[in-house]
Amino acid sequence: MDAYAVIETGGKQYLVKKGSVVDVELVGAEAGKKIKLSRVLAVSDGKDLTVGAPVVKGAEVTAEVVANIRGPKLISFKKKRRKGFHKKIGHRQPLARVKIDSF
């Protein structure tokens, strides 16, 4: 089994491995900058699993921001039958593509 960590950022949880690339909520750093994600919920070295309550003390994930991107377009369509009412709204979430360096 490979080493992995479960991190929380932007209100969502991600299972990450060393070298993996993940799209997370915008972290406020430019492309090429290193960031530290300190909300680590679980860490496994391949043999032992350490689960935090709620976070693992002293654990930290270092990542590099590859690019700041926009997610896919999501369409919200509202309609009321027989009333002639319809509304179409599109949304693209700003995301940060990060590459996991170490944990």
PDB file of N, CA and C in Angstrom:
ATOM      1  N   MET A   1       0.844  -1.189   0.000  1.00  0.00           N
ATOM      2  CA  MET A   1       0.000   0.000   0.000  1.00  0.00           C
ATOM      3  C   MET A   1       0.884   1.245   0.000  1.00  0.00           C
ATOM      4  N   ASP A   2       0.483   2.237  -0.758  1.00  0.00           N
ATOM      5  CA  ASP A   2       1.253   3.472  -0.861  1.00  0.00           C
ATOM      6  C   ASP A   2       0.953   4.390   0.316  1.00  0.00           C
ATOM      7  N   ALA A   3       1.869   5.327   0.536  1.00  0.00           N
ATOM      8  CA  ALA A   3       1.661   6.330   1.571  1.00  0.00           C
ATOM      9  C   ALA A   3       0.652   7.356   1.051  1.00  0.00           C
ATOM     10  N   TYR A   4      -0.248   7.795   1.931  1.00  0.00           N
ATOM     11  CA  TYR A   4      -1.251   8.777   1.539  1.00  0.00           C
ATOM     12  C   TYR A   4      -1.623   9.612   2.750  1.00  0.00           C
ATOM     13  N   ALA A   5      -2.341  10.691   2.487  1.00  0.00           N
ATOM     14  CA  ALA A   5      -2.849  11.556   3.543  1.00  0.00           C
ATOM     15  C   ALA A   5      -4.243  12.023   3.145  1.00  0.00           C
ATOM     16  N   VAL A   6      -5.061  12.310   4.133  1.00  0.00           N
ATOM     17  CA  VAL A   6      -6.382  12.899   3.913  1.00  0.00           C
ATOM     18  C   VAL A   6      -6.319  14.315   4.447  1.00  0.00           C
ATOM     19  N   ILE A   7      -6.523  15.300   3.552  1.00  0.00           N
ATOM     20  CA  ILE A   7      -6.450  16.702   3.948  1.00  0.00           C
ATOM     21  C   ILE A   7      -7.815  17.351   3.791  1.00  0.00           C
ATOM     22  N   GLU A   8      -7.988  18.459   4.481  1.00  0.00           N
ATOM     23  CA  GLU A   8      -9.220  19.249   4.371  1.00  0.00           C
ATOM     24  C   GLU A   8      -8.842  20.668   3.993  1.00  0.00           C
ATOM     25  N   THR A   9      -9.418  21.162   2.917  1.00  0.00           N
ATOM     26  CA  THR A   9      -9.228  22.542   2.508  1.00  0.00           C
ATOM     27  C   THR A   9     -10.473  23.002   1.763  1.00  0.00           C
ATOM     28  N   GLY A  10     -10.904  24.200   2.042  1.00  0.00           N
ATOM     29  CA  GLY A  10     -12.095  24.737   1.380  1.00  0.00           C
ATOM     30  C   GLY A  10     -13.365  24.014   1.765  1.00  0.00           C
ATOM     31  N   GLY A  11     -13.396  23.365   2.937  1.00  0.00           N
ATOM     32  CA  GLY A  11     -14.581  22.659   3.387  1.00  0.00           C
ATOM     33  C   GLY A  11     -14.766  21.289   2.756  1.00  0.00           C
ATOM     34  N   LYS A  12     -13.777  20.836   1.985  1.00  0.00           N
ATOM     35  CA  LYS A  12     -13.849  19.524   1.347  1.00  0.00           C
ATOM     36  C   LYS A  12     -12.645  18.690   1.754  1.00  0.00           C
ATOM     37  N   GLN A  13     -12.787  17.380   1.683  1.00  0.00           N
ATOM     38  CA  GLN A  13     -11.712  16.466   2.057  1.00  0.00           C
ATOM     39  C   GLN A  13     -11.172  15.783   0.810  1.00  0.00           C
ATOM     40  N   TYR A  14      -9.844  15.631   0.770  1.00  0.00           N
ATOM     41  CA  TYR A  14      -9.174  15.039  -0.384  1.00  0.00           C
ATOM     42  C   TYR A  14      -8.189  13.979   0.095  1.00  0.00           C
ATOM     43  N   LEU A  15      -8.150  12.842  -0.601  1.00  0.00           N
ATOM     44  CA  LEU A  15      -7.140  11.828  -0.361  1.00  0.00           C
ATOM     45  C   LEU A  15      -6.013  12.092  -1.357  1.00  0.00           C
ATOM     46  N   VAL A  16      -4.817  12.368  -0.832  1.00  0.00           N
ATOM     47  CA  VAL A  16      -3.698  12.748  -1.694  1.00  0.00           C
ATOM     48  C   VAL A  16      -2.523  11.813  -1.472  1.00  0.00           C
ATOM     49  N   LYS A  17      -1.739  11.637  -2.531  1.00  0.00           N
ATOM     50  CA  LYS A  17      -0.499  10.867  -2.484  1.00  0.00           C
ATOM     51  C   LYS A  17       0.621  11.778  -2.953  1.00  0.00           C
ATOM     52  N   LYS A  18       1.853  11.387  -2.677  1.00  0.00           N
ATOM     53  CA  LYS A  18       2.995  12.179  -3.087  1.00  0.00           C
ATOM     54  C   LYS A  18       3.061  12.228  -4.610  1.00  0.00           C
ATOM     55  N   GLY A  19       3.152  13.443  -5.178  1.00  0.00           N
ATOM     56  CA  GLY A  19       3.225  13.610  -6.619  1.00  0.00           C
ATOM     57  C   GLY A  19       1.884  13.744  -7.308  1.00  0.00           C
ATOM     58  N   SER A  20       0.772  13.575  -6.572  1.00  0.00           N
ATOM     59  CA  SER A  20      -0.544  13.679  -7.208  1.00  0.00           C
ATOM     60  C   SER A  20      -0.925  15.146  -7.415  1.00  0.00           C
ATOM     61  N   VAL A  21      -1.767  15.382  -8.412  1.00  0.00           N
ATOM     62  CA  VAL A  21      -2.250  16.725  -8.729  1.00  0.00           C
ATOM     63  C   VAL A  21      -3.743  16.759  -8.436  1.00  0.00           C
ATOM     64  N   VAL A  22      -4.166  17.743  -7.621  1.00  0.00           N
ATOM     65  CA  VAL A  22      -5.546  17.819  -7.157  1.00  0.00           C
ATOM     66  C   VAL A  22      -6.068  19.234  -7.395  1.00  0.00           C
ATOM     67  N   ASP A  23      -7.326  19.350  -7.808  1.00  0.00           N
ATOM     68  CA  ASP A  23      -7.992  20.647  -7.936  1.00  0.00           C
ATOM     69  C   ASP A  23      -8.741  20.933  -6.639  1.00  0.00           C
ATOM     70  N   VAL A  24      -8.350  22.008  -5.934  1.00  0.00           N
ATOM     71  CA  VAL A  24      -8.961  22.368  -4.659  1.00  0.00           C
ATOM     72  C   VAL A  24      -9.551  23.767  -4.781  1.00  0.00           C
ATOM     73  N   GLU A  25     -10.295  24.165  -3.765  1.00  0.00           N
ATOM     74  CA  GLU A  25     -10.818  25.526  -3.718  1.00  0.00           C
ATOM     75  C   GLU A  25      -9.663  26.516  -3.723  1.00  0.00           C
ATOM     76  N   LEU A  26      -9.890  27.709  -4.223  1.00  0.00           N
ATOM     77  CA  LEU A  26      -8.859  28.723  -4.373  1.00  0.00           C
ATOM     78  C   LEU A  26      -8.154  28.980  -3.042  1.00  0.00           C
ATOM     79  N   VAL A  27      -6.817  28.948  -3.035  1.00  0.00           N
ATOM     80  CA  VAL A  27      -6.052  29.088  -1.796  1.00  0.00           C
ATOM     81  C   VAL A  27      -5.398  30.454  -1.657  1.00  0.00           C
ATOM     82  N   GLY A  28      -5.458  31.296  -2.670  1.00  0.00           N
ATOM     83  CA  GLY A  28      -4.930  32.651  -2.563  1.00  0.00           C
ATOM     84  C   GLY A  28      -3.435  32.744  -2.793  1.00  0.00           C
ATOM     85  N   ALA A  29      -2.860  31.872  -3.588  1.00  0.00           N
ATOM     86  CA  ALA A  29      -1.441  31.925  -3.924  1.00  0.00           C
ATOM     87  C   ALA A  29      -1.298  31.844  -5.435  1.00  0.00           C
ATOM     88  N   GLU A  30      -0.247  32.507  -5.950  1.00  0.00           N
ATOM     89  CA  GLU A  30      -0.026  32.490  -7.389  1.00  0.00           C
ATOM     90  C   GLU A  30       0.585  31.162  -7.817  1.00  0.00           C
ATOM     91  N   ALA A  31       0.582  30.926  -9.118  1.00  0.00           N
ATOM     92  CA  ALA A  31       1.176  29.709  -9.671  1.00  0.00           C
ATOM     93  C   ALA A  31       2.678  29.706  -9.401  1.00  0.00           C
ATOM     94  N   GLY A  32       3.184  28.550  -9.007  1.00  0.00           N
ATOM     95  CA  GLY A  32       4.604  28.402  -8.701  1.00  0.00           C
ATOM     96  C   GLY A  32       4.942  28.553  -7.230  1.00  0.00           C
ATOM     97  N   LYS A  33       4.018  29.026  -6.421  1.00  0.00           N
ATOM     98  CA  LYS A  33       4.265  29.216  -4.990  1.00  0.00           C
ATOM     99  C   LYS A  33       4.027  27.921  -4.224  1.00  0.00           C
ATOM    100  N   LYS A  34       4.760  27.750  -3.131  1.00  0.00           N
ATOM    101  CA  LYS A  34       4.577  26.600  -2.241  1.00  0.00           C
ATOM    102  C   LYS A  34       3.586  26.996  -1.143  1.00  0.00           C
ATOM    103  N   ILE A  35       2.703  26.055  -0.803  1.00  0.00           N
ATOM    104  CA  ILE A  35       1.756  26.289   0.284  1.00  0.00           C
ATOM    105  C   ILE A  35       1.828  25.122   1.253  1.00  0.00           C
ATOM    106  N   LYS A  36       1.400  25.370   2.479  1.00  0.00           N
ATOM    107  CA  LYS A  36       1.355  24.324   3.491  1.00  0.00           C
ATOM    108  C   LYS A  36      -0.093  24.132   3.911  1.00  0.00           C
ATOM    109  N   LEU A  37      -0.552  22.901   3.842  1.00  0.00           N
ATOM    110  CA  LEU A  37      -1.915  22.557   4.240  1.00  0.00           C
ATOM    111  C   LEU A  37      -1.823  21.864   5.596  1.00  0.00           C
ATOM    112  N   SER A  38      -2.285  22.539   6.638  1.00  0.00           N
ATOM    113  CA  SER A  38      -2.094  22.023   7.994  1.00  0.00           C
ATOM    114  C   SER A  38      -3.278  21.224   8.524  1.00  0.00           C
ATOM    115  N   ARG A  39      -4.421  21.257   7.832  1.00  0.00           N
ATOM    116  CA  ARG A  39      -5.579  20.461   8.266  1.00  0.00           C
ATOM    117  C   ARG A  39      -5.450  19.052   7.700  1.00  0.00           C
ATOM    118  N   VAL A  40      -4.624  18.233   8.346  1.00  0.00           N
ATOM    119  CA  VAL A  40      -4.400  16.849   7.929  1.00  0.00           C
ATOM    120  C   VAL A  40      -5.231  15.959   8.848  1.00  0.00           C
ATOM    121  N   LEU A  41      -6.186  15.234   8.277  1.00  0.00           N
ATOM    122  CA  LEU A  41      -7.104  14.422   9.065  1.00  0.00           C
ATOM    123  C   LEU A  41      -6.581  13.014   9.306  1.00  0.00           C
ATOM    124  N   ALA A  42      -5.777  12.484   8.378  1.00  0.00           N
ATOM    125  CA  ALA A  42      -5.222  11.141   8.525  1.00  0.00           C
ATOM    126  C   ALA A  42      -3.950  11.044   7.700  1.00  0.00           C
ATOM    127  N   VAL A  43      -2.995  10.240   8.202  1.00  0.00           N
ATOM    128  CA  VAL A  43      -1.730  10.027   7.501  1.00  0.00           C
ATOM    129  C   VAL A  43      -1.410   8.546   7.554  1.00  0.00           C
ATOM    130  N   SER A  44      -1.010   7.987   6.398  1.00  0.00           N
ATOM    131  CA  SER A  44      -0.572   6.598   6.339  1.00  0.00           C
ATOM    132  C   SER A  44       0.789   6.564   5.661  1.00  0.00           C
ATOM    133  N   ASP A  45       1.716   5.799   6.244  1.00  0.00           N
ATOM    134  CA  ASP A  45       3.041   5.658   5.637  1.00  0.00           C
ATOM    135  C   ASP A  45       3.149   4.391   4.801  1.00  0.00           C
ATOM    136  N   GLY A  46       2.054   3.730   4.574  1.00  0.00           N
ATOM    137  CA  GLY A  46       2.035   2.493   3.821  1.00  0.00           C
ATOM    138  C   GLY A  46       1.788   1.283   4.698  1.00  0.00           C
ATOM    139  N   LYS A  47       2.105   1.404   5.987  1.00  0.00           N
ATOM    140  CA  LYS A  47       1.892   0.313   6.932  1.00  0.00           C
ATOM    141  C   LYS A  47       0.990   0.741   8.090  1.00  0.00           C
ATOM    142  N   ASP A  48       1.309   1.881   8.689  1.00  0.00           N
ATOM    143  CA  ASP A  48       0.546   2.368   9.841  1.00  0.00           C
ATOM    144  C   ASP A  48      -0.320   3.549   9.438  1.00  0.00           C
ATOM    145  N   LEU A  49      -1.524   3.591   9.990  1.00  0.00           N
ATOM    146  CA  LEU A  49      -2.458   4.683   9.745  1.00  0.00           C
ATOM    147  C   LEU A  49      -2.624   5.470  11.024  1.00  0.00           C
ATOM    148  N   THR A  50      -2.431   6.793  10.939  1.00  0.00           N
ATOM    149  CA  THR A  50      -2.643   7.690  12.069  1.00  0.00           C
ATOM    150  C   THR A  50      -3.843   8.562  11.755  1.00  0.00           C
ATOM    151  N   VAL A  51      -4.867   8.468  12.579  1.00  0.00           N
ATOM    152  CA  VAL A  51      -6.097   9.240  12.387  1.00  0.00           C
ATOM    153  C   VAL A  51      -6.164  10.294  13.473  1.00  0.00           C
ATOM    154  N   GLY A  52      -6.432  11.533  13.083  1.00  0.00           N
ATOM    155  CA  GLY A  52      -6.514  12.626  14.041  1.00  0.00           C
ATOM    156  C   GLY A  52      -7.888  12.741  14.649  1.00  0.00           C
ATOM    157  N   ALA A  53      -7.935  13.539  15.716  1.00  0.00           N
ATOM    158  CA  ALA A  53      -9.211  13.786  16.378  1.00  0.00           C
ATOM    159  C   ALA A  53      -9.331  15.271  16.680  1.00  0.00           C
ATOM    160  N   PRO A  54      -9.700  16.124  15.775  1.00  0.00           N
ATOM    161  CA  PRO A  54     -10.019  15.910  14.365  1.00  0.00           C
ATOM    162  C   PRO A  54      -8.800  15.962  13.445  1.00  0.00           C
ATOM    163  N   VAL A  55      -7.674  16.577  13.860  1.00  0.00           N
ATOM    164  CA  VAL A  55      -6.503  16.649  12.986  1.00  0.00           C
ATOM    165  C   VAL A  55      -5.333  15.929  13.638  1.00  0.00           C
ATOM    166  N   VAL A  56      -4.378  15.501  12.819  1.00  0.00           N
ATOM    167  CA  VAL A  56      -3.167  14.856  13.316  1.00  0.00           C
ATOM    168  C   VAL A  56      -2.215  15.956  13.757  1.00  0.00           C
ATOM    169  N   LYS A  57      -1.771  15.896  15.001  1.00  0.00           N
ATOM    170  CA  LYS A  57      -0.894  16.930  15.540  1.00  0.00           C
ATOM    171  C   LYS A  57       0.485  16.847  14.885  1.00  0.00           C
ATOM    172  N   GLY A  58       0.982  17.995  14.445  1.00  0.00           N
ATOM    173  CA  GLY A  58       2.311  18.070  13.845  1.00  0.00           C
ATOM    174  C   GLY A  58       2.384  17.648  12.392  1.00  0.00           C
ATOM    175  N   ALA A  59       1.318  17.149  11.821  1.00  0.00           N
ATOM    176  CA  ALA A  59       1.330  16.721  10.419  1.00  0.00           C
ATOM    177  C   ALA A  59       1.040  17.916   9.517  1.00  0.00           C
ATOM    178  N   GLU A  60       1.734  17.947   8.393  1.00  0.00           N
ATOM    179  CA  GLU A  60       1.572  19.048   7.460  1.00  0.00           C
ATOM    180  C   GLU A  60       1.849  18.538   6.049  1.00  0.00           C
ATOM    181  N   VAL A  61       1.076  18.999   5.095  1.00  0.00           N
ATOM    182  CA  VAL A  61       1.263  18.619   3.695  1.00  0.00           C
ATOM    183  C   VAL A  61       1.779  19.842   2.954  1.00  0.00           C
ATOM    184  N   THR A  62       2.885  19.659   2.233  1.00  0.00           N
ATOM    185  CA  THR A  62       3.464  20.732   1.431  1.00  0.00           C
ATOM    186  C   THR A  62       3.077  20.512  -0.024  1.00  0.00           C
ATOM    187  N   ALA A  63       2.582  21.561  -0.657  1.00  0.00           N
ATOM    188  CA  ALA A  63       2.129  21.455  -2.047  1.00  0.00           C
ATOM    189  C   ALA A  63       2.580  22.683  -2.823  1.00  0.00           C
ATOM    190  N   GLU A  64       2.641  22.537  -4.140  1.00  0.00           N
ATOM    191  CA  GLU A  64       2.990  23.637  -5.020  1.00  0.00           C
ATOM    192  C   GLU A  64       1.787  23.956  -5.895  1.00  0.00           C
ATOM    193  N   VAL A  65       1.443  25.236  -5.992  1.00  0.00           N
ATOM    194  CA  VAL A  65       0.328  25.661  -6.834  1.00  0.00           C
ATOM    195  C   VAL A  65       0.798  25.621  -8.280  1.00  0.00           C
ATOM    196  N   VAL A  66       0.196  24.750  -9.081  1.00  0.00           N
ATOM    197  CA  VAL A  66       0.561  24.616 -10.492  1.00  0.00           C
ATOM    198  C   VAL A  66      -0.115  25.714 -11.302  1.00  0.00           C
ATOM    199  N   ALA A  67      -1.414  25.922 -11.072  1.00  0.00           N
ATOM    200  CA  ALA A  67      -2.154  26.938 -11.824  1.00  0.00           C
ATOM    201  C   ALA A  67      -3.430  27.290 -11.071  1.00  0.00           C
ATOM    202  N   ASN A  68      -3.893  28.510 -11.294  1.00  0.00           N
ATOM    203  CA  ASN A  68      -5.213  28.925 -10.833  1.00  0.00           C
ATOM    204  C   ASN A  68      -6.139  28.827 -12.040  1.00  0.00           C
ATOM    205  N   ILE A  69      -7.146  27.972 -11.934  1.00  0.00           N
ATOM    206  CA  ILE A  69      -8.017  27.668 -13.067  1.00  0.00           C
ATOM    207  C   ILE A  69      -9.466  27.941 -12.697  1.00  0.00           C
ATOM    208  N   ARG A  70     -10.348  27.764 -13.666  1.00  0.00           N
ATOM    209  CA  ARG A  70     -11.781  27.821 -13.418  1.00  0.00           C
ATOM    210  C   ARG A  70     -12.357  26.452 -13.725  1.00  0.00           C
ATOM    211  N   GLY A  71     -13.258  26.017 -12.878  1.00  0.00           N
ATOM    212  CA  GLY A  71     -13.863  24.704 -13.023  1.00  0.00           C
ATOM    213  C   GLY A  71     -14.821  24.644 -14.196  1.00  0.00           C
ATOM    214  N   PRO A  72     -15.445  23.491 -14.391  1.00  0.00           N
ATOM    215  CA  PRO A  72     -16.396  23.360 -15.498  1.00  0.00           C
ATOM    216  C   PRO A  72     -17.643  24.206 -15.254  1.00  0.00           C
ATOM    217  N   LYS A  73     -18.311  24.584 -16.331  1.00  0.00           N
ATOM    218  CA  LYS A  73     -19.508  25.401 -16.208  1.00  0.00           C
ATOM    219  C   LYS A  73     -20.662  24.552 -15.690  1.00  0.00           C
ATOM    220  N   LEU A  74     -21.294  25.022 -14.637  1.00  0.00           N
ATOM    221  CA  LEU A  74     -22.462  24.366 -14.062  1.00  0.00           C
ATOM    222  C   LEU A  74     -23.680  25.215 -14.381  1.00  0.00           C
ATOM    223  N   ILE A  75     -24.738  24.577 -14.834  1.00  0.00           N
ATOM    224  CA  ILE A  75     -25.959  25.271 -15.228  1.00  0.00           C
ATOM    225  C   ILE A  75     -27.039  25.035 -14.175  1.00  0.00           C
ATOM    226  N   SER A  76     -27.634  26.130 -13.703  1.00  0.00           N
ATOM    227  CA  SER A  76     -28.778  26.046 -12.812  1.00  0.00           C
ATOM    228  C   SER A  76     -29.990  26.543 -13.601  1.00  0.00           C
ATOM    229  N   PHE A  77     -30.967  25.673 -13.805  1.00  0.00           N
ATOM    230  CA  PHE A  77     -32.143  26.027 -14.594  1.00  0.00           C
ATOM    231  C   PHE A  77     -33.373  25.887 -13.720  1.00  0.00           C
ATOM    232  N   LYS A  78     -34.124  26.970 -13.602  1.00  0.00           N
ATOM    233  CA  LYS A  78     -35.352  26.962 -12.804  1.00  0.00           C
ATOM    234  C   LYS A  78     -36.525  27.203 -13.734  1.00  0.00           C
ATOM    235  N   LYS A  79     -37.624  26.499 -13.473  1.00  0.00           N
ATOM    236  CA  LYS A  79     -38.813  26.627 -14.331  1.00  0.00           C
ATOM    237  C   LYS A  79     -40.049  26.359 -13.494  1.00  0.00           C
ATOM    238  N   LYS A  80     -41.092  27.130 -13.765  1.00  0.00           N
ATOM    239  CA  LYS A  80     -42.391  26.864 -13.157  1.00  0.00           C
ATOM    240  C   LYS A  80     -43.356  26.561 -14.292  1.00  0.00           C
ATOM    241  N   ARG A  81     -43.955  25.406 -14.233  1.00  0.00           N
ATOM    242  CA  ARG A  81     -44.798  24.989 -15.336  1.00  0.00           C
ATOM    243  C   ARG A  81     -46.056  25.855 -15.435  1.00  0.00           C
ATOM    244  N   ARG A  82     -46.456  26.059 -16.662  1.00  0.00           N
ATOM    245  CA  ARG A  82     -47.660  26.814 -17.029  1.00  0.00           C
ATOM    246  C   ARG A  82     -47.609  28.288 -16.618  1.00  0.00           C
ATOM    247  N   LYS A  83     -46.497  28.795 -16.186  1.00  0.00           N
ATOM    248  CA  LYS A  83     -46.423  30.190 -15.755  1.00  0.00           C
ATOM    249  C   LYS A  83     -45.551  31.039 -16.678  1.00  0.00           C
ATOM    250  N   GLY A  84     -44.824  30.399 -17.574  1.00  0.00           N
ATOM    251  CA  GLY A  84     -43.940  31.143 -18.463  1.00  0.00           C
ATOM    252  C   GLY A  84     -42.671  31.612 -17.781  1.00  0.00           C
ATOM    253  N   PHE A  85     -42.380  31.079 -16.602  1.00  0.00           N
ATOM    254  CA  PHE A  85     -41.189  31.480 -15.860  1.00  0.00           C
ATOM    255  C   PHE A  85     -40.081  30.465 -16.064  1.00  0.00           C
ATOM    256  N   HIS A  86     -38.941  30.943 -16.507  1.00  0.00           N
ATOM    257  CA  HIS A  86     -37.745  30.101 -16.536  1.00  0.00           C
ATOM    258  C   HIS A  86     -36.523  31.001 -16.386  1.00  0.00           C
ATOM    259  N   LYS A  87     -35.513  30.489 -15.717  1.00  0.00           N
ATOM    260  CA  LYS A  87     -34.298  31.235 -15.454  1.00  0.00           C
ATOM    261  C   LYS A  87     -33.107  30.292 -15.619  1.00  0.00           C
ATOM    262  N   LYS A  88     -32.129  30.704 -16.392  1.00  0.00           N
ATOM    263  CA  LYS A  88     -30.937  29.896 -16.618  1.00  0.00           C
ATOM    264  C   LYS A  88     -29.728  30.678 -16.108  1.00  0.00           C
ATOM    265  N   ILE A  89     -28.997  30.077 -15.161  1.00  0.00           N
ATOM    266  CA  ILE A  89     -27.844  30.725 -14.550  1.00  0.00           C
ATOM    267  C   ILE A  89     -26.648  29.795 -14.688  1.00  0.00           C
ATOM    268  N   GLY A  90     -25.519  30.318 -15.138  1.00  0.00           N
ATOM    269  CA  GLY A  90     -24.290  29.539 -15.246  1.00  0.00           C
ATOM    270  C   GLY A  90     -23.297  29.974 -14.175  1.00  0.00           C
ATOM    271  N   HIS A  91     -22.427  29.044 -13.774  1.00  0.00           N
ATOM    272  CA  HIS A  91     -21.432  29.334 -12.736  1.00  0.00           C
ATOM    273  C   HIS A  91     -20.166  28.541 -13.016  1.00  0.00           C
ATOM    274  N   ARG A  92     -19.007  29.195 -12.864  1.00  0.00           N
ATOM    275  CA  ARG A  92     -17.717  28.512 -12.948  1.00  0.00           C
ATOM    276  C   ARG A  92     -16.942  28.839 -11.686  1.00  0.00           C
ATOM    277  N   GLN A  93     -16.595  27.812 -10.918  1.00  0.00           N
ATOM    278  CA  GLN A  93     -15.914  27.984  -9.637  1.00  0.00           C
ATOM    279  C   GLN A  93     -14.416  28.190  -9.868  1.00  0.00           C
ATOM    280  N   PRO A  94     -13.819  29.212  -9.237  1.00  0.00           N
ATOM    281  CA  PRO A  94     -12.363  29.352  -9.333  1.00  0.00           C
ATOM    282  C   PRO A  94     -11.685  28.263  -8.487  1.00  0.00           C
ATOM    283  N   LEU A  95     -10.702  27.590  -9.073  1.00  0.00           N
ATOM    284  CA  LEU A  95     -10.019  26.490  -8.407  1.00  0.00           C
ATOM    285  C   LEU A  95      -8.508  26.703  -8.492  1.00  0.00           C
ATOM    286  N   ALA A  96      -7.797  26.011  -7.627  1.00  0.00           N
ATOM    287  CA  ALA A  96      -6.332  26.000  -7.657  1.00  0.00           C
ATOM    288  C   ALA A  96      -5.894  24.558  -7.902  1.00  0.00           C
ATOM    289  N   ARG A  97      -5.076  24.354  -8.916  1.00  0.00           N
ATOM    290  CA  ARG A  97      -4.518  23.026  -9.203  1.00  0.00           C
ATOM    291  C   ARG A  97      -3.197  22.934  -8.461  1.00  0.00           C
ATOM    292  N   VAL A  98      -3.121  22.001  -7.487  1.00  0.00           N
ATOM    293  CA  VAL A  98      -1.923  21.865  -6.658  1.00  0.00           C
ATOM    294  C   VAL A  98      -1.293  20.494  -6.855  1.00  0.00           C
ATOM    295  N   LYS A  99       0.043  20.472  -6.772  1.00  0.00           N
ATOM    296  CA  LYS A  99       0.800  19.225  -6.848  1.00  0.00           C
ATOM    297  C   LYS A  99       1.374  18.951  -5.464  1.00  0.00           C
ATOM    298  N   ILE A 100       1.110  17.771  -4.942  1.00  0.00           N
ATOM    299  CA  ILE A 100       1.541  17.423  -3.589  1.00  0.00           C
ATOM    300  C   ILE A 100       3.020  17.062  -3.613  1.00  0.00           C
ATOM    301  N   ASP A 101       3.806  17.741  -2.768  1.00  0.00           N
ATOM    302  CA  ASP A 101       5.245  17.496  -2.704  1.00  0.00           C
ATOM    303  C   ASP A 101       5.594  16.491  -1.605  1.00  0.00           C
ATOM    304  N   SER A 102       5.174  16.793  -0.383  1.00  0.00           N
ATOM    305  CA  SER A 102       5.539  15.909   0.733  1.00  0.00           C
ATOM    306  C   SER A 102       4.523  16.038   1.856  1.00  0.00           C
ATOM    307  N   PHE A 103       4.523  15.029   2.741  1.00  0.00           N
ATOM    308  CA  PHE A 103       3.703  15.073   3.956  1.00  0.00           C
ATOM    309  C   PHE A 103       4.335  14.229   5.017  1.00  0.00           C
TER     310      PHE A 103
END
